[in-house]
Amino acid sequence: MKEETVIELVEVAPFKALAVRTGMTPDKSGTRLAWSKLTEHVPLDDERLTSVQSAFVFIPQQQWDKEVDTLWVGLKVSEFGIVPEGVEALEVSGGLCARARVYGDETSMWGVYEKMFSWLEQSPDYELDKRDGVLGMETVPLRPINALTIPYSDIKTFDFTMLYPVRQKLVK
């Protein structure tokens, strides 16, 4: 049974995150290496963490126009405290976001990306917020299975939520 892709607008509160920057790699191992480095410096029992339900993959929104080549893998924190070397402190602006859930195989995942960007192109009211410094995010649940600990090629079911900041379309 194929799950219908629902795109909805949600308000996301601003938050802080500690994150490790990575690039896009052909084998998609960059996010897994970043996760490993992040949890080496910020373990899941770190008192600064506000939730250990999910991790975030952050995407600079202006990169959607060309090629996404920079990502961060991060965890939400109440405060930055001492930021270990190799880890970055991110201020996530939050705001109005287009949200879609991905749950299925790789073909299903790419289909949700296609539907999200098609919805954004066709929306009469909203567009992707591509201003400098605006980060889109994908939430990756850490339970029951943390996909950031599994090689990409071994993942059978992709399970995450897209949250991409949007803004009112400018009247032309």
C-alpha atoms as a PDB file:
ATOM      1  CA  MET A   1       0.000   0.000   0.000  1.00  0.00           C
ATOM      2  CA  LYS A   2       1.526   3.300  -1.119  1.00  0.00           C
ATOM      3  CA  GLU A   3       1.396   6.144   1.382  1.00  0.00           C
ATOM      4  CA  GLU A   4       0.096   9.465   0.039  1.00  0.00           C
ATOM      5  CA  THR A   5       2.569  12.342   0.324  1.00  0.00           C
ATOM      6  CA  VAL A   6       1.077  15.162   2.369  1.00  0.00           C
ATOM      7  CA  ILE A   7       2.758  18.558   2.317  1.00  0.00           C
ATOM      8  CA  GLU A   8       1.672  20.907   5.049  1.00  0.00           C
ATOM      9  CA  LEU A   9       2.784  24.208   6.499  1.00  0.00           C
ATOM     10  CA  VAL A  10       4.009  24.153  10.090  1.00  0.00           C
ATOM     11  CA  GLU A  11       5.620  26.671  12.404  1.00  0.00           C
ATOM     12  CA  VAL A  12       9.028  25.606  13.767  1.00  0.00           C
ATOM     13  CA  ALA A  13      10.407  27.347  16.848  1.00  0.00           C
ATOM     14  CA  PRO A  14      13.962  28.699  16.588  1.00  0.00           C
ATOM     15  CA  PHE A  15      16.570  26.504  18.261  1.00  0.00           C
ATOM     16  CA  LYS A  16      20.267  25.891  18.776  1.00  0.00           C
ATOM     17  CA  ALA A  17      22.171  22.878  17.519  1.00  0.00           C
ATOM     18  CA  LEU A  18      25.653  21.479  17.759  1.00  0.00           C
ATOM     19  CA  ALA A  19      26.584  20.040  14.393  1.00  0.00           C
ATOM     20  CA  VAL A  20      29.364  18.659  12.220  1.00  0.00           C
ATOM     21  CA  ARG A  21      29.734  19.907   8.650  1.00  0.00           C
ATOM     22  CA  THR A  22      30.090  17.435   5.827  1.00  0.00           C
ATOM     23  CA  GLY A  23      29.923  17.324   2.069  1.00  0.00           C
ATOM     24  CA  MET A  24      27.925  15.238  -0.330  1.00  0.00           C
ATOM     25  CA  THR A  25      29.829  12.082  -1.180  1.00  0.00           C
ATOM     26  CA  PRO A  26      29.010   9.687  -4.032  1.00  0.00           C
ATOM     27  CA  ASP A  27      28.475   6.826  -1.554  1.00  0.00           C
ATOM     28  CA  LYS A  28      26.536   9.151   0.784  1.00  0.00           C
ATOM     29  CA  SER A  29      28.836   8.285   3.695  1.00  0.00           C
ATOM     30  CA  GLY A  30      29.437  11.937   4.648  1.00  0.00           C
ATOM     31  CA  THR A  31      26.420  12.167   6.940  1.00  0.00           C
ATOM     32  CA  ARG A  32      27.351   8.892   8.634  1.00  0.00           C
ATOM     33  CA  LEU A  33      30.933  10.075   9.241  1.00  0.00           C
ATOM     34  CA  ALA A  34      29.632  13.429  10.540  1.00  0.00           C
ATOM     35  CA  TRP A  35      27.234  11.623  12.910  1.00  0.00           C
ATOM     36  CA  SER A  36      30.083   9.489  14.231  1.00  0.00           C
ATOM     37  CA  LYS A  37      32.264  12.566  14.798  1.00  0.00           C
ATOM     38  CA  LEU A  38      29.390  14.495  16.390  1.00  0.00           C
ATOM     39  CA  THR A  39      28.496  11.780  18.901  1.00  0.00           C
ATOM     40  CA  GLU A  40      32.161  11.285  19.719  1.00  0.00           C
ATOM     41  CA  HIS A  41      32.235  14.925  20.926  1.00  0.00           C
ATOM     42  CA  VAL A  42      28.582  15.313  21.992  1.00  0.00           C
ATOM     43  CA  PRO A  43      27.396  11.955  23.366  1.00  0.00           C
ATOM     44  CA  LEU A  44      23.660  11.264  23.552  1.00  0.00           C
ATOM     45  CA  ASP A  45      23.760  11.655  27.344  1.00  0.00           C
ATOM     46  CA  ASP A  46      25.208  15.215  27.102  1.00  0.00           C
ATOM     47  CA  GLU A  47      23.227  17.438  29.482  1.00  0.00           C
ATOM     48  CA  ARG A  48      22.880  20.174  26.820  1.00  0.00           C
ATOM     49  CA  LEU A  49      20.713  17.997  24.565  1.00  0.00           C
ATOM     50  CA  THR A  50      17.043  18.953  24.604  1.00  0.00           C
ATOM     51  CA  SER A  51      15.906  15.773  22.875  1.00  0.00           C
ATOM     52  CA  VAL A  52      17.450  12.521  21.857  1.00  0.00           C
ATOM     53  CA  GLN A  53      14.434  11.530  19.775  1.00  0.00           C
ATOM     54  CA  SER A  54      15.978  12.657  16.503  1.00  0.00           C
ATOM     55  CA  ALA A  55      19.029  14.061  14.805  1.00  0.00           C
ATOM     56  CA  PHE A  56      18.962  16.751  12.134  1.00  0.00           C
ATOM     57  CA  VAL A  57      20.539  17.011   8.719  1.00  0.00           C
ATOM     58  CA  PHE A  58      20.724  20.729   7.889  1.00  0.00           C
ATOM     59  CA  ILE A  59      20.805  22.001   4.305  1.00  0.00           C
ATOM     60  CA  PRO A  60      21.584  25.606   3.298  1.00  0.00           C
ATOM     61  CA  GLN A  61      18.424  26.509   1.367  1.00  0.00           C
ATOM     62  CA  GLN A  62      20.162  28.544  -1.352  1.00  0.00           C
ATOM     63  CA  GLN A  63      21.982  25.368  -2.442  1.00  0.00           C
ATOM     64  CA  TRP A  64      18.758  23.896  -3.862  1.00  0.00           C
ATOM     65  CA  ASP A  65      19.244  26.209  -6.875  1.00  0.00           C
ATOM     66  CA  LYS A  66      22.485  24.548  -7.880  1.00  0.00           C
ATOM     67  CA  GLU A  67      23.888  21.458  -6.228  1.00  0.00           C
ATOM     68  CA  VAL A  68      23.686  20.604  -2.560  1.00  0.00           C
ATOM     69  CA  ASP A  69      27.298  20.161  -1.478  1.00  0.00           C
ATOM     70  CA  THR A  70      27.326  21.201   2.188  1.00  0.00           C
ATOM     71  CA  LEU A  71      25.341  19.594   4.988  1.00  0.00           C
ATOM     72  CA  TRP A  72      25.523  19.541   8.756  1.00  0.00           C
ATOM     73  CA  VAL A  73      24.484  16.681  11.002  1.00  0.00           C
ATOM     74  CA  GLY A  74      23.380  17.974  14.370  1.00  0.00           C
ATOM     75  CA  LEU A  75      21.560  17.633  17.646  1.00  0.00           C
ATOM     76  CA  LYS A  76      19.276  20.202  19.305  1.00  0.00           C
ATOM     77  CA  VAL A  77      20.751  21.760  22.459  1.00  0.00           C
ATOM     78  CA  SER A  78      19.550  24.151  25.163  1.00  0.00           C
ATOM     79  CA  GLU A  79      22.898  25.974  25.158  1.00  0.00           C
ATOM     80  CA  PHE A  80      26.164  25.750  23.263  1.00  0.00           C
ATOM     81  CA  GLY A  81      28.527  25.616  26.231  1.00  0.00           C
ATOM     82  CA  ILE A  82      32.044  24.641  25.227  1.00  0.00           C
ATOM     83  CA  VAL A  83      31.965  23.743  21.541  1.00  0.00           C
ATOM     84  CA  PRO A  84      34.486  20.988  20.775  1.00  0.00           C
ATOM     85  CA  GLU A  85      36.903  21.393  17.875  1.00  0.00           C
ATOM     86  CA  GLY A  86      35.312  20.154  14.643  1.00  0.00           C
ATOM     87  CA  VAL A  87      31.794  20.857  15.935  1.00  0.00           C
ATOM     88  CA  GLU A  88      29.892  24.029  15.000  1.00  0.00           C
ATOM     89  CA  ALA A  89      27.254  25.994  16.886  1.00  0.00           C
ATOM     90  CA  LEU A  90      24.221  26.631  14.654  1.00  0.00           C
ATOM     91  CA  GLU A  91      21.362  29.050  15.316  1.00  0.00           C
ATOM     92  CA  VAL A  92      18.368  27.657  13.448  1.00  0.00           C
ATOM     93  CA  SER A  93      15.880  30.423  12.684  1.00  0.00           C
ATOM     94  CA  GLY A  94      12.826  28.177  12.433  1.00  0.00           C
ATOM     95  CA  GLY A  95       9.685  29.883  11.146  1.00  0.00           C
ATOM     96  CA  LEU A  96       7.136  28.690   8.629  1.00  0.00           C
ATOM     97  CA  CYS A  97       8.189  25.427   6.970  1.00  0.00           C
ATOM     98  CA  ALA A  98       6.809  23.074   4.352  1.00  0.00           C
ATOM     99  CA  ARG A  99       6.767  19.608   5.904  1.00  0.00           C
ATOM    100  CA  ALA A 100       6.603  16.183   4.274  1.00  0.00           C
ATOM    101  CA  ARG A 101       7.259  12.744   5.703  1.00  0.00           C
ATOM    102  CA  VAL A 102       9.426  10.204   3.933  1.00  0.00           C
ATOM    103  CA  TYR A 103       8.747   6.582   4.754  1.00  0.00           C
ATOM    104  CA  GLY A 104       9.607   3.958   2.177  1.00  0.00           C
ATOM    105  CA  ASP A 105      12.268   2.691  -0.161  1.00  0.00           C
ATOM    106  CA  GLU A 106      14.706   4.870  -2.107  1.00  0.00           C
ATOM    107  CA  THR A 107      12.299   5.336  -5.020  1.00  0.00           C
ATOM    108  CA  SER A 108       9.606   6.533  -2.600  1.00  0.00           C
ATOM    109  CA  MET A 109      12.077   8.932  -0.988  1.00  0.00           C
ATOM    110  CA  TRP A 110      13.005  10.550  -4.309  1.00  0.00           C
ATOM    111  CA  GLY A 111       9.299  10.751  -5.116  1.00  0.00           C
ATOM    112  CA  VAL A 112       8.675  12.783  -1.946  1.00  0.00           C
ATOM    113  CA  TYR A 113      11.517  15.173  -2.863  1.00  0.00           C
ATOM    114  CA  GLU A 114       9.936  15.562  -6.301  1.00  0.00           C
ATOM    115  CA  LYS A 115       6.490  16.238  -4.806  1.00  0.00           C
ATOM    116  CA  MET A 116       7.908  18.743  -2.297  1.00  0.00           C
ATOM    117  CA  PHE A 117       9.696  20.801  -4.932  1.00  0.00           C
ATOM    118  CA  SER A 118       6.779  20.541  -7.346  1.00  0.00           C
ATOM    119  CA  TRP A 119       4.452  21.818  -4.596  1.00  0.00           C
ATOM    120  CA  LEU A 120       6.846  24.707  -3.903  1.00  0.00           C
ATOM    121  CA  GLU A 121       7.028  25.619  -7.603  1.00  0.00           C
ATOM    122  CA  GLN A 122       3.265  25.500  -8.019  1.00  0.00           C
ATOM    123  CA  SER A 123       2.248  27.202  -4.780  1.00  0.00           C
ATOM    124  CA  PRO A 124       0.567  30.535  -5.516  1.00  0.00           C
ATOM    125  CA  ASP A 125       1.445  31.818  -2.026  1.00  0.00           C
ATOM    126  CA  TYR A 126       4.760  30.363  -0.858  1.00  0.00           C
ATOM    127  CA  GLU A 127       8.286  29.830  -2.075  1.00  0.00           C
ATOM    128  CA  LEU A 128      11.402  28.253  -0.604  1.00  0.00           C
ATOM    129  CA  ASP A 129      13.177  30.757   1.640  1.00  0.00           C
ATOM    130  CA  LYS A 130      16.622  30.843   0.016  1.00  0.00           C
ATOM    131  CA  ARG A 131      18.081  33.787   1.880  1.00  0.00           C
ATOM    132  CA  ASP A 132      21.663  33.464   3.064  1.00  0.00           C
ATOM    133  CA  GLY A 133      21.939  31.524   6.303  1.00  0.00           C
ATOM    134  CA  VAL A 134      18.481  29.903   6.132  1.00  0.00           C
ATOM    135  CA  LEU A 135      18.748  26.197   6.853  1.00  0.00           C
ATOM    136  CA  GLY A 136      16.303  23.539   5.808  1.00  0.00           C
ATOM    137  CA  MET A 137      16.321  20.409   7.880  1.00  0.00           C
ATOM    138  CA  GLU A 138      15.497  16.774   7.785  1.00  0.00           C
ATOM    139  CA  THR A 139      14.738  15.080  11.082  1.00  0.00           C
ATOM    140  CA  VAL A 140      16.062  11.553  11.426  1.00  0.00           C
ATOM    141  CA  PRO A 141      14.561   9.476  14.260  1.00  0.00           C
ATOM    142  CA  LEU A 142      17.134   7.789  16.467  1.00  0.00           C
ATOM    143  CA  ARG A 143      14.734   5.008  17.533  1.00  0.00           C
ATOM    144  CA  PRO A 144      13.868   2.270  16.828  1.00  0.00           C
ATOM    145  CA  ILE A 145      16.643   2.433  14.203  1.00  0.00           C
ATOM    146  CA  ASN A 146      19.140   5.248  13.677  1.00  0.00           C
ATOM    147  CA  ALA A 147      19.721   5.411   9.910  1.00  0.00           C
ATOM    148  CA  LEU A 148      22.857   7.520  10.506  1.00  0.00           C
ATOM    149  CA  THR A 149      24.584   4.383  11.804  1.00  0.00           C
ATOM    150  CA  ILE A 150      23.716   2.276   8.741  1.00  0.00           C
ATOM    151  CA  PRO A 151      25.541   2.518   5.400  1.00  0.00           C
ATOM    152  CA  TYR A 152      23.250   4.256   2.893  1.00  0.00           C
ATOM    153  CA  SER A 153      23.346   1.284   0.522  1.00  0.00           C
ATOM    154  CA  ASP A 154      21.994  -0.981   3.298  1.00  0.00           C
ATOM    155  CA  ILE A 155      18.929   1.133   4.120  1.00  0.00           C
ATOM    156  CA  LYS A 156      15.704  -0.564   3.051  1.00  0.00           C
ATOM    157  CA  THR A 157      13.247   1.941   4.561  1.00  0.00           C
ATOM    158  CA  PHE A 158      13.987   5.666   4.595  1.00  0.00           C
ATOM    159  CA  ASP A 159      12.255   7.345   7.532  1.00  0.00           C
ATOM    160  CA  PHE A 160      12.620  11.096   8.063  1.00  0.00           C
ATOM    161  CA  THR A 161      10.708  14.352   7.890  1.00  0.00           C
ATOM    162  CA  MET A 162      11.578  17.254   5.590  1.00  0.00           C
ATOM    163  CA  LEU A 163      11.172  20.751   7.060  1.00  0.00           C
ATOM    164  CA  TYR A 164      12.049  23.433   4.522  1.00  0.00           C
ATOM    165  CA  PRO A 165      11.596  27.124   5.443  1.00  0.00           C
ATOM    166  CA  VAL A 166       9.215  28.993   3.158  1.00  0.00           C
ATOM    167  CA  ARG A 167       8.167  32.604   2.817  1.00  0.00           C
ATOM    168  CA  GLN A 168       5.334  34.520   1.216  1.00  0.00           C
ATOM    169  CA  LYS A 169       5.900  34.866  -2.529  1.00  0.00           C
ATOM    170  CA  LEU A 170       6.872  38.336  -3.571  1.00  0.00           C
ATOM    171  CA  VAL A 171       4.268  39.956  -5.795  1.00  0.00           C
ATOM    172  CA  LYS A 172       5.753  40.714  -9.197  1.00  0.00           C
END
